[in-house]
């Protein structure tokens, strides 16, 4: 099973790629993605939708946005909410290729 710290590295990769953030943007696991990074509501939804797409699951109705306010919070949510098979699949996905196919399929504009 992957640790929260290992999943956090993957979550950061997804956020950087989805939002096209350069290496000059400092992302710490505990950074508040809205207040410190400036994530707006559309970007936040896009990131959460992408995360669930890559997990291969629907966005649950009971999702608590407070759980998803930081990279560490998102990683802890993934490890807590999903079984090892889902997390293993998530960790093995080629983020760049997967996101490119999502854009090619028109899932994101």
PDB file of N, CA and C in Angstrom:
ATOM      1  N   UNK A   1       0.844  -1.188   0.000  1.00  0.00           N
ATOM      2  CA  UNK A   1       0.000   0.000   0.000  1.00  0.00           C
ATOM      3  C   UNK A   1       0.884   1.244   0.000  1.00  0.00           C
ATOM      4  N   UNK A   2       0.458   2.221  -0.740  1.00  0.00           N
ATOM      5  CA  UNK A   2       1.204   3.481  -0.810  1.00  0.00           C
ATOM      6  C   UNK A   2       0.916   4.344   0.411  1.00  0.00           C
ATOM      7  N   UNK A   3       1.905   5.122   0.799  1.00  0.00           N
ATOM      8  CA  UNK A   3       1.743   6.042   1.930  1.00  0.00           C
ATOM      9  C   UNK A   3       1.105   7.346   1.448  1.00  0.00           C
ATOM     10  N   UNK A   4       0.630   8.120   2.400  1.00  0.00           N
ATOM     11  CA  UNK A   4       0.066   9.435   2.089  1.00  0.00           C
ATOM     12  C   UNK A   4       1.125  10.297   1.403  1.00  0.00           C
ATOM     13  N   UNK A   5       2.370  10.201   1.862  1.00  0.00           N
ATOM     14  CA  UNK A   5       3.445  11.004   1.281  1.00  0.00           C
ATOM     15  C   UNK A   5       3.696  10.632  -0.182  1.00  0.00           C
ATOM     16  N   UNK A   6       3.649   9.333  -0.487  1.00  0.00           N
ATOM     17  CA  UNK A   6       3.846   8.892  -1.870  1.00  0.00           C
ATOM     18  C   UNK A   6       2.694   9.352  -2.757  1.00  0.00           C
ATOM     19  N   UNK A   7       1.475   9.248  -2.257  1.00  0.00           N
ATOM     20  CA  UNK A   7       0.316   9.691  -3.026  1.00  0.00           C
ATOM     21  C   UNK A   7       0.357  11.212  -3.208  1.00  0.00           C
ATOM     22  N   UNK A   8       0.865  11.938  -2.208  1.00  0.00           N
ATOM     23  CA  UNK A   8       0.967  13.395  -2.303  1.00  0.00           C
ATOM     24  C   UNK A   8       1.853  13.820  -3.469  1.00  0.00           C
ATOM     25  N   UNK A   9       2.906  13.072  -3.738  1.00  0.00           N
ATOM     26  CA  UNK A   9       3.786  13.380  -4.876  1.00  0.00           C
ATOM     27  C   UNK A   9       2.989  13.276  -6.177  1.00  0.00           C
ATOM     28  N   UNK A  10       2.168  12.241  -6.297  1.00  0.00           N
ATOM     29  CA  UNK A  10       1.343  12.058  -7.501  1.00  0.00           C
ATOM     30  C   UNK A  10       0.287  13.166  -7.602  1.00  0.00           C
ATOM     31  N   UNK A  11      -0.326  13.526  -6.483  1.00  0.00           N
ATOM     32  CA  UNK A  11      -1.340  14.582  -6.476  1.00  0.00           C
ATOM     33  C   UNK A  11      -0.718  15.903  -6.913  1.00  0.00           C
ATOM     34  N   UNK A  12       0.475  16.194  -6.411  1.00  0.00           N
ATOM     35  CA  UNK A  12       1.155  17.425  -6.831  1.00  0.00           C
ATOM     36  C   UNK A  12       1.404  17.405  -8.336  1.00  0.00           C
ATOM     37  N   UNK A  13       1.824  16.285  -8.857  1.00  0.00           N
ATOM     38  CA  UNK A  13       2.066  16.162 -10.295  1.00  0.00           C
ATOM     39  C   UNK A  13       0.783  16.451 -11.083  1.00  0.00           C
ATOM     40  N   UNK A  14      -0.331  15.919 -10.622  1.00  0.00           N
ATOM     41  CA  UNK A  14      -1.614  16.148 -11.294  1.00  0.00           C
ATOM     42  C   UNK A  14      -1.995  17.617 -11.250  1.00  0.00           C
ATOM     43  N   UNK A  15      -1.848  18.232 -10.074  1.00  0.00           N
ATOM     44  CA  UNK A  15      -2.214  19.646  -9.934  1.00  0.00           C
ATOM     45  C   UNK A  15      -1.310  20.512 -10.800  1.00  0.00           C
ATOM     46  N   UNK A  16      -0.012  20.268 -10.760  1.00  0.00           N
ATOM     47  CA  UNK A  16       0.905  21.058 -11.597  1.00  0.00           C
ATOM     48  C   UNK A  16       0.579  20.910 -13.078  1.00  0.00           C
ATOM     49  N   UNK A  17       0.302  19.680 -13.506  1.00  0.00           N
ATOM     50  CA  UNK A  17       0.029  19.431 -14.924  1.00  0.00           C
ATOM     51  C   UNK A  17      -1.323  19.987 -15.331  1.00  0.00           C
ATOM     52  N   UNK A  18      -2.350  19.733 -14.526  1.00  0.00           N
ATOM     53  CA  UNK A  18      -3.698  20.212 -14.843  1.00  0.00           C
ATOM     54  C   UNK A  18      -3.756  21.727 -14.918  1.00  0.00           C
ATOM     55  N   UNK A  19      -3.108  22.395 -13.974  1.00  0.00           N
ATOM     56  CA  UNK A  19      -3.163  23.854 -13.903  1.00  0.00           C
ATOM     57  C   UNK A  19      -2.015  24.531 -14.644  1.00  0.00           C
ATOM     58  N   UNK A  20      -1.153  23.702 -15.253  1.00  0.00           N
ATOM     59  CA  UNK A  20      -0.005  24.217 -16.001  1.00  0.00           C
ATOM     60  C   UNK A  20       0.850  25.151 -15.142  1.00  0.00           C
ATOM     61  N   UNK A  21       1.147  24.669 -13.919  1.00  0.00           N
ATOM     62  CA  UNK A  21       1.981  25.434 -12.996  1.00  0.00           C
ATOM     63  C   UNK A  21       3.435  25.104 -13.248  1.00  0.00           C
ATOM     64  N   UNK A  22       4.242  26.108 -13.331  1.00  0.00           N
ATOM     65  CA  UNK A  22       5.674  25.899 -13.519  1.00  0.00           C
ATOM     66  C   UNK A  22       6.352  25.519 -12.218  1.00  0.00           C
ATOM     67  N   UNK A  23       7.603  25.144 -12.327  1.00  0.00           N
ATOM     68  CA  UNK A  23       8.375  24.787 -11.147  1.00  0.00           C
ATOM     69  C   UNK A  23       8.624  25.985 -10.244  1.00  0.00           C
ATOM     70  N   UNK A  24       8.388  27.196 -10.769  1.00  0.00           N
ATOM     71  CA  UNK A  24       8.582  28.395  -9.967  1.00  0.00           C
ATOM     72  C   UNK A  24       7.454  28.596  -8.950  1.00  0.00           C
ATOM     73  N   UNK A  25       6.334  27.884  -9.104  1.00  0.00           N
ATOM     74  CA  UNK A  25       5.238  27.965  -8.148  1.00  0.00           C
ATOM     75  C   UNK A  25       5.512  26.949  -7.039  1.00  0.00           C
ATOM     76  N   UNK A  26       5.680  27.457  -5.824  1.00  0.00           N
ATOM     77  CA  UNK A  26       5.989  26.588  -4.685  1.00  0.00           C
ATOM     78  C   UNK A  26       4.724  25.871  -4.227  1.00  0.00           C
ATOM     79  N   UNK A  27       4.788  24.561  -4.221  1.00  0.00           N
ATOM     80  CA  UNK A  27       3.703  23.740  -3.694  1.00  0.00           C
ATOM     81  C   UNK A  27       4.265  22.878  -2.577  1.00  0.00           C
ATOM     82  N   UNK A  28       3.758  23.099  -1.379  1.00  0.00           N
ATOM     83  CA  UNK A  28       4.106  22.243  -0.248  1.00  0.00           C
ATOM     84  C   UNK A  28       2.895  21.366   0.044  1.00  0.00           C
ATOM     85  N   UNK A  29       3.091  20.203   0.602  1.00  0.00           N
ATOM     86  CA  UNK A  29       1.941  19.333   0.880  1.00  0.00           C
ATOM     87  C   UNK A  29       0.846  20.016   1.691  1.00  0.00           C
ATOM     88  N   UNK A  30       1.223  20.909   2.597  1.00  0.00           N
ATOM     89  CA  UNK A  30       0.240  21.563   3.452  1.00  0.00           C
ATOM     90  C   UNK A  30      -0.257  22.900   2.906  1.00  0.00           C
ATOM     91  N   UNK A  31       0.227  23.323   1.737  1.00  0.00           N
ATOM     92  CA  UNK A  31      -0.209  24.593   1.152  1.00  0.00           C
ATOM     93  C   UNK A  31      -1.715  24.605   0.930  1.00  0.00           C
ATOM     94  N   UNK A  32      -2.351  25.700   1.331  1.00  0.00           N
ATOM     95  CA  UNK A  32      -3.772  25.895   1.071  1.00  0.00           C
ATOM     96  C   UNK A  32      -3.903  26.243  -0.413  1.00  0.00           C
ATOM     97  N   UNK A  33      -4.521  25.359  -1.169  1.00  0.00           N
ATOM     98  CA  UNK A  33      -4.555  25.508  -2.626  1.00  0.00           C
ATOM     99  C   UNK A  33      -5.362  26.721  -3.074  1.00  0.00           C
ATOM    100  N   UNK A  34      -6.315  27.165  -2.275  1.00  0.00           N
ATOM    101  CA  UNK A  34      -7.106  28.334  -2.643  1.00  0.00           C
ATOM    102  C   UNK A  34      -6.405  29.606  -2.204  1.00  0.00           C
ATOM    103  N   UNK A  35      -6.062  29.696  -0.914  1.00  0.00           N
ATOM    104  CA  UNK A  35      -5.511  30.936  -0.375  1.00  0.00           C
ATOM    105  C   UNK A  35      -4.053  31.173  -0.711  1.00  0.00           C
ATOM    106  N   UNK A  36      -3.243  30.113  -0.772  1.00  0.00           N
ATOM    107  CA  UNK A  36      -1.818  30.299  -1.043  1.00  0.00           C
ATOM    108  C   UNK A  36      -1.481  30.183  -2.528  1.00  0.00           C
ATOM    109  N   UNK A  37      -2.138  29.267  -3.217  1.00  0.00           N
ATOM    110  CA  UNK A  37      -1.819  29.023  -4.625  1.00  0.00           C
ATOM    111  C   UNK A  37      -2.722  29.841  -5.544  1.00  0.00           C
ATOM    112  N   UNK A  38      -3.904  30.229  -5.058  1.00  0.00           N
ATOM    113  CA  UNK A  38      -4.814  31.032  -5.856  1.00  0.00           C
ATOM    114  C   UNK A  38      -5.739  30.209  -6.740  1.00  0.00           C
ATOM    115  N   UNK A  39      -5.959  28.963  -6.379  1.00  0.00           N
ATOM    116  CA  UNK A  39      -6.852  28.091  -7.128  1.00  0.00           C
ATOM    117  C   UNK A  39      -8.263  28.677  -7.068  1.00  0.00           C
ATOM    118  N   UNK A  40      -8.904  28.854  -8.233  1.00  0.00           N
ATOM    119  CA  UNK A  40     -10.284  29.327  -8.204  1.00  0.00           C
ATOM    120  C   UNK A  40     -11.234  28.130  -8.235  1.00  0.00           C
ATOM    121  N   UNK A  41     -12.525  28.378  -8.144  1.00  0.00           N
ATOM    122  CA  UNK A  41     -13.492  27.282  -8.015  1.00  0.00           C
ATOM    123  C   UNK A  41     -13.518  26.380  -9.245  1.00  0.00           C
ATOM    124  N   UNK A  42     -13.342  26.933 -10.423  1.00  0.00           N
ATOM    125  CA  UNK A  42     -13.323  26.117 -11.643  1.00  0.00           C
ATOM    126  C   UNK A  42     -12.079  25.237 -11.670  1.00  0.00           C
ATOM    127  N   UNK A  43     -10.929  25.818 -11.325  1.00  0.00           N
ATOM    128  CA  UNK A  43      -9.696  25.035 -11.284  1.00  0.00           C
ATOM    129  C   UNK A  43      -9.773  23.950 -10.211  1.00  0.00           C
ATOM    130  N   UNK A  44     -10.378  24.273  -9.074  1.00  0.00           N
ATOM    131  CA  UNK A  44     -10.526  23.283  -8.005  1.00  0.00           C
ATOM    132  C   UNK A  44     -11.396  22.126  -8.474  1.00  0.00           C
ATOM    133  N   UNK A  45     -12.519  22.434  -9.127  1.00  0.00           N
ATOM    134  CA  UNK A  45     -13.391  21.370  -9.628  1.00  0.00           C
ATOM    135  C   UNK A  45     -12.672  20.546 -10.688  1.00  0.00           C
ATOM    136  N   UNK A  46     -11.966  21.211 -11.598  1.00  0.00           N
ATOM    137  CA  UNK A  46     -11.230  20.496 -12.647  1.00  0.00           C
ATOM    138  C   UNK A  46     -10.200  19.553 -12.045  1.00  0.00           C
ATOM    139  N   UNK A  47      -9.507  20.000 -11.008  1.00  0.00           N
ATOM    140  CA  UNK A  47      -8.502  19.158 -10.355  1.00  0.00           C
ATOM    141  C   UNK A  47      -9.147  17.958  -9.674  1.00  0.00           C
ATOM    142  N   UNK A  48     -10.267  18.175  -8.995  1.00  0.00           N
ATOM    143  CA  UNK A  48     -10.957  17.073  -8.317  1.00  0.00           C
ATOM    144  C   UNK A  48     -11.555  16.110  -9.340  1.00  0.00           C
ATOM    145  N   UNK A  49     -12.122  16.638 -10.412  1.00  0.00           N
ATOM    146  CA  UNK A  49     -12.669  15.774 -11.467  1.00  0.00           C
ATOM    147  C   UNK A  49     -11.555  14.935 -12.098  1.00  0.00           C
ATOM    148  N   UNK A  50     -10.415  15.554 -12.358  1.00  0.00           N
ATOM    149  CA  UNK A  50      -9.279  14.840 -12.936  1.00  0.00           C
ATOM    150  C   UNK A  50      -8.786  13.753 -11.981  1.00  0.00           C
ATOM    151  N   UNK A  51      -8.695  14.085 -10.717  1.00  0.00           N
ATOM    152  CA  UNK A  51      -8.269  13.110  -9.711  1.00  0.00           C
ATOM    153  C   UNK A  51      -9.184  11.883  -9.737  1.00  0.00           C
ATOM    154  N   UNK A  52     -10.485  12.103  -9.729  1.00  0.00           N
ATOM    155  CA  UNK A  52     -11.423  10.976  -9.714  1.00  0.00           C
ATOM    156  C   UNK A  52     -11.415  10.216 -11.035  1.00  0.00           C
ATOM    157  N   UNK A  53     -11.205  10.920 -12.132  1.00  0.00           N
ATOM    158  CA  UNK A  53     -11.070  10.249 -13.433  1.00  0.00           C
ATOM    159  C   UNK A  53      -9.876   9.306 -13.396  1.00  0.00           C
ATOM    160  N   UNK A  54      -8.778   9.785 -12.835  1.00  0.00           N
ATOM    161  CA  UNK A  54      -7.573   8.967 -12.779  1.00  0.00           C
ATOM    162  C   UNK A  54      -7.711   7.822 -11.772  1.00  0.00           C
ATOM    163  N   UNK A  55      -8.540   8.021 -10.742  1.00  0.00           N
ATOM    164  CA  UNK A  55      -8.817   6.948  -9.792  1.00  0.00           C
ATOM    165  C   UNK A  55      -9.762   5.921 -10.408  1.00  0.00           C
ATOM    166  N   UNK A  56     -10.479   6.335 -11.451  1.00  0.00           N
ATOM    167  CA  UNK A  56     -11.428   5.439 -12.098  1.00  0.00           C
ATOM    168  C   UNK A  56     -12.727   5.294 -11.320  1.00  0.00           C
ATOM    169  N   UNK A  57     -13.070   6.341 -10.558  1.00  0.00           N
ATOM    170  CA  UNK A  57     -14.281   6.312  -9.740  1.00  0.00           C
ATOM    171  C   UNK A  57     -15.057   7.619  -9.927  1.00  0.00           C
ATOM    172  N   UNK A  58     -16.339   7.543  -9.594  1.00  0.00           N
ATOM    173  CA  UNK A  58     -17.181   8.753  -9.617  1.00  0.00           C
ATOM    174  C   UNK A  58     -16.823   9.638  -8.427  1.00  0.00           C
ATOM    175  N   UNK A  59     -17.083  10.927  -8.573  1.00  0.00           N
ATOM    176  CA  UNK A  59     -16.909  11.835  -7.441  1.00  0.00           C
ATOM    177  C   UNK A  59     -18.030  11.524  -6.450  1.00  0.00           C
ATOM    178  N   UNK A  60     -17.696  11.149  -5.217  1.00  0.00           N
ATOM    179  CA  UNK A  60     -18.744  10.788  -4.259  1.00  0.00           C
ATOM    180  C   UNK A  60     -19.575  12.001  -3.841  1.00  0.00           C
ATOM    181  N   UNK A  61     -20.822  11.739  -3.495  1.00  0.00           N
ATOM    182  CA  UNK A  61     -21.714  12.807  -3.045  1.00  0.00           C
ATOM    183  C   UNK A  61     -21.297  13.378  -1.699  1.00  0.00           C
ATOM    184  N   UNK A  62     -20.638  12.565  -0.888  1.00  0.00           N
ATOM    185  CA  UNK A  62     -20.292  12.985   0.473  1.00  0.00           C
ATOM    186  C   UNK A  62     -18.900  13.592   0.585  1.00  0.00           C
ATOM    187  N   UNK A  63     -18.348  14.020  -0.523  1.00  0.00           N
ATOM    188  CA  UNK A  63     -17.000  14.581  -0.495  1.00  0.00           C
ATOM    189  C   UNK A  63     -17.002  15.884   0.309  1.00  0.00           C
ATOM    190  N   UNK A  64     -16.020  16.052   1.161  1.00  0.00           N
ATOM    191  CA  UNK A  64     -15.901  17.247   1.989  1.00  0.00           C
ATOM    192  C   UNK A  64     -14.791  18.122   1.419  1.00  0.00           C
ATOM    193  N   UNK A  65     -15.156  19.294   0.887  1.00  0.00           N
ATOM    194  CA  UNK A  65     -14.130  20.166   0.293  1.00  0.00           C
ATOM    195  C   UNK A  65     -12.984  20.498   1.243  1.00  0.00           C
ATOM    196  N   UNK A  66     -13.241  20.494   2.551  1.00  0.00           N
ATOM    197  CA  UNK A  66     -12.159  20.769   3.509  1.00  0.00           C
ATOM    198  C   UNK A  66     -11.073  19.702   3.439  1.00  0.00           C
ATOM    199  N   UNK A  67     -11.454  18.466   3.089  1.00  0.00           N
ATOM    200  CA  UNK A  67     -10.474  17.391   2.935  1.00  0.00           C
ATOM    201  C   UNK A  67      -9.565  17.624   1.742  1.00  0.00           C
ATOM    202  N   UNK A  68     -10.004  18.451   0.822  1.00  0.00           N
ATOM    203  CA  UNK A  68      -9.319  18.593  -0.455  1.00  0.00           C
ATOM    204  C   UNK A  68      -8.663  19.957  -0.619  1.00  0.00           C
ATOM    205  N   UNK A  69      -8.414  20.643   0.477  1.00  0.00           N
ATOM    206  CA  UNK A  69      -7.861  21.990   0.412  1.00  0.00           C
ATOM    207  C   UNK A  69      -6.353  22.064   0.287  1.00  0.00           C
ATOM    208  N   UNK A  70      -5.685  20.921   0.432  1.00  0.00           N
ATOM    209  CA  UNK A  70      -4.228  20.898   0.315  1.00  0.00           C
ATOM    210  C   UNK A  70      -3.823  19.589  -0.351  1.00  0.00           C
ATOM    211  N   UNK A  71      -2.593  19.544  -0.817  1.00  0.00           N
ATOM    212  CA  UNK A  71      -2.085  18.315  -1.422  1.00  0.00           C
ATOM    213  C   UNK A  71      -2.096  17.188  -0.395  1.00  0.00           C
ATOM    214  N   UNK A  72      -1.664  17.478   0.828  1.00  0.00           N
ATOM    215  CA  UNK A  72      -1.652  16.454   1.876  1.00  0.00           C
ATOM    216  C   UNK A  72      -3.074  15.984   2.187  1.00  0.00           C
ATOM    217  N   UNK A  73      -4.029  16.896   2.208  1.00  0.00           N
ATOM    218  CA  UNK A  73      -5.418  16.535   2.469  1.00  0.00           C
ATOM    219  C   UNK A  73      -5.985  15.650   1.375  1.00  0.00           C
ATOM    220  N   UNK A  74      -5.674  15.978   0.131  1.00  0.00           N
ATOM    221  CA  UNK A  74      -6.141  15.171  -1.002  1.00  0.00           C
ATOM    222  C   UNK A  74      -5.523  13.772  -0.934  1.00  0.00           C
ATOM    223  N   UNK A  75      -4.233  13.722  -0.652  1.00  0.00           N
ATOM    224  CA  UNK A  75      -3.543  12.422  -0.573  1.00  0.00           C
ATOM    225  C   UNK A  75      -4.116  11.565   0.556  1.00  0.00           C
ATOM    226  N   UNK A  76      -4.361  12.168   1.710  1.00  0.00           N
ATOM    227  CA  UNK A  76      -4.937  11.429   2.838  1.00  0.00           C
ATOM    228  C   UNK A  76      -6.335  10.927   2.480  1.00  0.00           C
ATOM    229  N   UNK A  77      -7.107  11.761   1.786  1.00  0.00           N
ATOM    230  CA  UNK A  77      -8.447  11.371   1.329  1.00  0.00           C
ATOM    231  C   UNK A  77      -8.375  10.142   0.422  1.00  0.00           C
ATOM    232  N   UNK A  78      -7.458  10.153  -0.540  1.00  0.00           N
ATOM    233  CA  UNK A  78      -7.323   9.030  -1.476  1.00  0.00           C
ATOM    234  C   UNK A  78      -6.965   7.752  -0.738  1.00  0.00           C
ATOM    235  N   UNK A  79      -5.984   7.826   0.161  1.00  0.00           N
ATOM    236  CA  UNK A  79      -5.537   6.642   0.889  1.00  0.00           C
ATOM    237  C   UNK A  79      -6.643   6.127   1.818  1.00  0.00           C
ATOM    238  N   UNK A  80      -7.379   7.032   2.448  1.00  0.00           N
ATOM    239  CA  UNK A  80      -8.444   6.653   3.386  1.00  0.00           C
ATOM    240  C   UNK A  80      -9.680   6.122   2.663  1.00  0.00           C
ATOM    241  N   UNK A  81     -10.031   6.728   1.546  1.00  0.00           N
ATOM    242  CA  UNK A  81     -11.317   6.454   0.893  1.00  0.00           C
ATOM    243  C   UNK A  81     -11.282   5.225  -0.026  1.00  0.00           C
ATOM    244  N   UNK A  82     -10.159   4.950  -0.662  1.00  0.00           N
ATOM    245  CA  UNK A  82     -10.122   3.931  -1.709  1.00  0.00           C
ATOM    246  C   UNK A  82      -9.225   2.753  -1.335  1.00  0.00           C
ATOM    247  N   UNK A  83      -9.603   1.601  -1.865  1.00  0.00           N
ATOM    248  CA  UNK A  83      -8.840   0.389  -1.560  1.00  0.00           C
ATOM    249  C   UNK A  83      -7.512   0.367  -2.316  1.00  0.00           C
ATOM    250  N   UNK A  84      -6.679  -0.598  -1.958  1.00  0.00           N
ATOM    251  CA  UNK A  84      -5.328  -0.687  -2.505  1.00  0.00           C
ATOM    252  C   UNK A  84      -5.321  -0.822  -4.022  1.00  0.00           C
ATOM    253  N   UNK A  85      -6.278  -1.538  -4.601  1.00  0.00           N
ATOM    254  CA  UNK A  85      -6.308  -1.694  -6.062  1.00  0.00           C
ATOM    255  C   UNK A  85      -6.516  -0.363  -6.768  1.00  0.00           C
ATOM    256  N   UNK A  86      -7.432   0.451  -6.248  1.00  0.00           N
ATOM    257  CA  UNK A  86      -7.690   1.767  -6.848  1.00  0.00           C
ATOM    258  C   UNK A  86      -6.452   2.646  -6.721  1.00  0.00           C
ATOM    259  N   UNK A  87      -5.854   2.673  -5.535  1.00  0.00           N
ATOM    260  CA  UNK A  87      -4.672   3.503  -5.306  1.00  0.00           C
ATOM    261  C   UNK A  87      -3.501   3.013  -6.160  1.00  0.00           C
ATOM    262  N   UNK A  88      -3.311   1.706  -6.259  1.00  0.00           N
ATOM    263  CA  UNK A  88      -2.226   1.169  -7.088  1.00  0.00           C
ATOM    264  C   UNK A  88      -2.399   1.563  -8.551  1.00  0.00           C
ATOM    265  N   UNK A  89      -3.618   1.474  -9.059  1.00  0.00           N
ATOM    266  CA  UNK A  89      -3.881   1.882 -10.444  1.00  0.00           C
ATOM    267  C   UNK A  89      -3.589   3.366 -10.624  1.00  0.00           C
ATOM    268  N   UNK A  90      -4.059   4.167  -9.685  1.00  0.00           N
ATOM    269  CA  UNK A  90      -3.842   5.615  -9.703  1.00  0.00           C
ATOM    270  C   UNK A  90      -2.346   5.939  -9.741  1.00  0.00           C
ATOM    271  N   UNK A  91      -1.568   5.239  -8.930  1.00  0.00           N
ATOM    272  CA  UNK A  91      -0.146   5.517  -8.842  1.00  0.00           C
ATOM    273  C   UNK A  91       0.623   5.045 -10.071  1.00  0.00           C
ATOM    274  N   UNK A  92       0.051   4.142 -10.841  1.00  0.00           N
ATOM    275  CA  UNK A  92       0.755   3.613 -12.010  1.00  0.00           C
ATOM    276  C   UNK A  92       0.419   4.354 -13.305  1.00  0.00           C
ATOM    277  N   UNK A  93      -0.519   5.263 -13.264  1.00  0.00           N
ATOM    278  CA  UNK A  93      -0.941   5.980 -14.473  1.00  0.00           C
ATOM    279  C   UNK A  93       0.135   6.979 -14.896  1.00  0.00           C
ATOM    280  N   UNK A  94       0.352   7.075 -16.195  1.00  0.00           N
ATOM    281  CA  UNK A  94       1.221   8.102 -16.766  1.00  0.00           C
ATOM    282  C   UNK A  94       0.393   9.386 -16.809  1.00  0.00           C
ATOM    283  N   UNK A  95       0.657  10.293 -15.888  1.00  0.00           N
ATOM    284  CA  UNK A  95      -0.158  11.498 -15.726  1.00  0.00           C
ATOM    285  C   UNK A  95      -0.224  12.320 -17.014  1.00  0.00           C
ATOM    286  N   UNK A  96       0.917  12.598 -17.606  1.00  0.00           N
ATOM    287  CA  UNK A  96       0.937  13.416 -18.826  1.00  0.00           C
ATOM    288  C   UNK A  96       0.122  12.805 -19.949  1.00  0.00           C
ATOM    289  N   UNK A  97       0.305  11.520 -20.192  1.00  0.00           N
ATOM    290  CA  UNK A  97      -0.432  10.842 -21.270  1.00  0.00           C
ATOM    291  C   UNK A  97      -1.925  10.793 -20.962  1.00  0.00           C
ATOM    292  N   UNK A  98      -2.275  10.523 -19.720  1.00  0.00           N
ATOM    293  CA  UNK A  98      -3.690  10.436 -19.352  1.00  0.00           C
ATOM    294  C   UNK A  98      -4.369  11.792 -19.515  1.00  0.00           C
ATOM    295  N   UNK A  99      -3.725  12.837 -19.038  1.00  0.00           N
ATOM    296  CA  UNK A  99      -4.312  14.170 -19.172  1.00  0.00           C
ATOM    297  C   UNK A  99      -4.404  14.586 -20.635  1.00  0.00           C
ATOM    298  N   UNK A 100      -3.400  14.250 -21.420  1.00  0.00           N
ATOM    299  CA  UNK A 100      -3.441  14.572 -22.850  1.00  0.00           C
ATOM    300  C   UNK A 100      -4.630  13.891 -23.519  1.00  0.00           C
ATOM    301  N   UNK A 101      -4.890  12.630 -23.164  1.00  0.00           N
ATOM    302  CA  UNK A 101      -6.031  11.934 -23.768  1.00  0.00           C
ATOM    303  C   UNK A 101      -7.345  12.540 -23.307  1.00  0.00           C
ATOM    304  N   UNK A 102      -7.404  13.036 -22.060  1.00  0.00           N
ATOM    305  CA  UNK A 102      -8.620  13.694 -21.582  1.00  0.00           C
ATOM    306  C   UNK A 102      -8.866  14.984 -22.360  1.00  0.00           C
ATOM    307  N   UNK A 103      -7.815  15.736 -22.631  1.00  0.00           N
ATOM    308  CA  UNK A 103      -7.967  16.971 -23.400  1.00  0.00           C
ATOM    309  C   UNK A 103      -8.343  16.638 -24.855  1.00  0.00           C
ATOM    310  N   UNK A 104      -7.720  15.610 -25.405  1.00  0.00           N
ATOM    311  CA  UNK A 104      -8.045  15.191 -26.776  1.00  0.00           C
ATOM    312  C   UNK A 104      -9.490  14.744 -26.906  1.00  0.00           C
ATOM    313  N   UNK A 105     -10.020  14.109 -25.847  1.00  0.00           N
ATOM    314  CA  UNK A 105     -11.392  13.633 -25.857  1.00  0.00           C
ATOM    315  C   UNK A 105     -12.398  14.739 -25.566  1.00  0.00           C
ATOM    316  N   UNK A 106     -11.911  15.950 -25.332  1.00  0.00           N
ATOM    317  CA  UNK A 106     -12.800  17.077 -25.078  1.00  0.00           C
ATOM    318  C   UNK A 106     -13.329  17.151 -23.661  1.00  0.00           C
ATOM    319  N   UNK A 107     -12.734  16.406 -22.734  1.00  0.00           N
ATOM    320  CA  UNK A 107     -13.207  16.463 -21.357  1.00  0.00           C
ATOM    321  C   UNK A 107     -12.883  17.793 -20.719  1.00  0.00           C
ATOM    322  N   UNK A 108     -11.817  18.450 -21.170  1.00  0.00           N
ATOM    323  CA  UNK A 108     -11.456  19.764 -20.681  1.00  0.00           C
ATOM    324  C   UNK A 108     -11.189  20.666 -21.868  1.00  0.00           C
ATOM    325  N   UNK A 109     -11.560  21.899 -21.701  1.00  0.00           N
ATOM    326  CA  UNK A 109     -11.347  22.865 -22.781  1.00  0.00           C
ATOM    327  C   UNK A 109     -10.036  23.571 -22.611  1.00  0.00           C
TER     328      UNK A 109
END
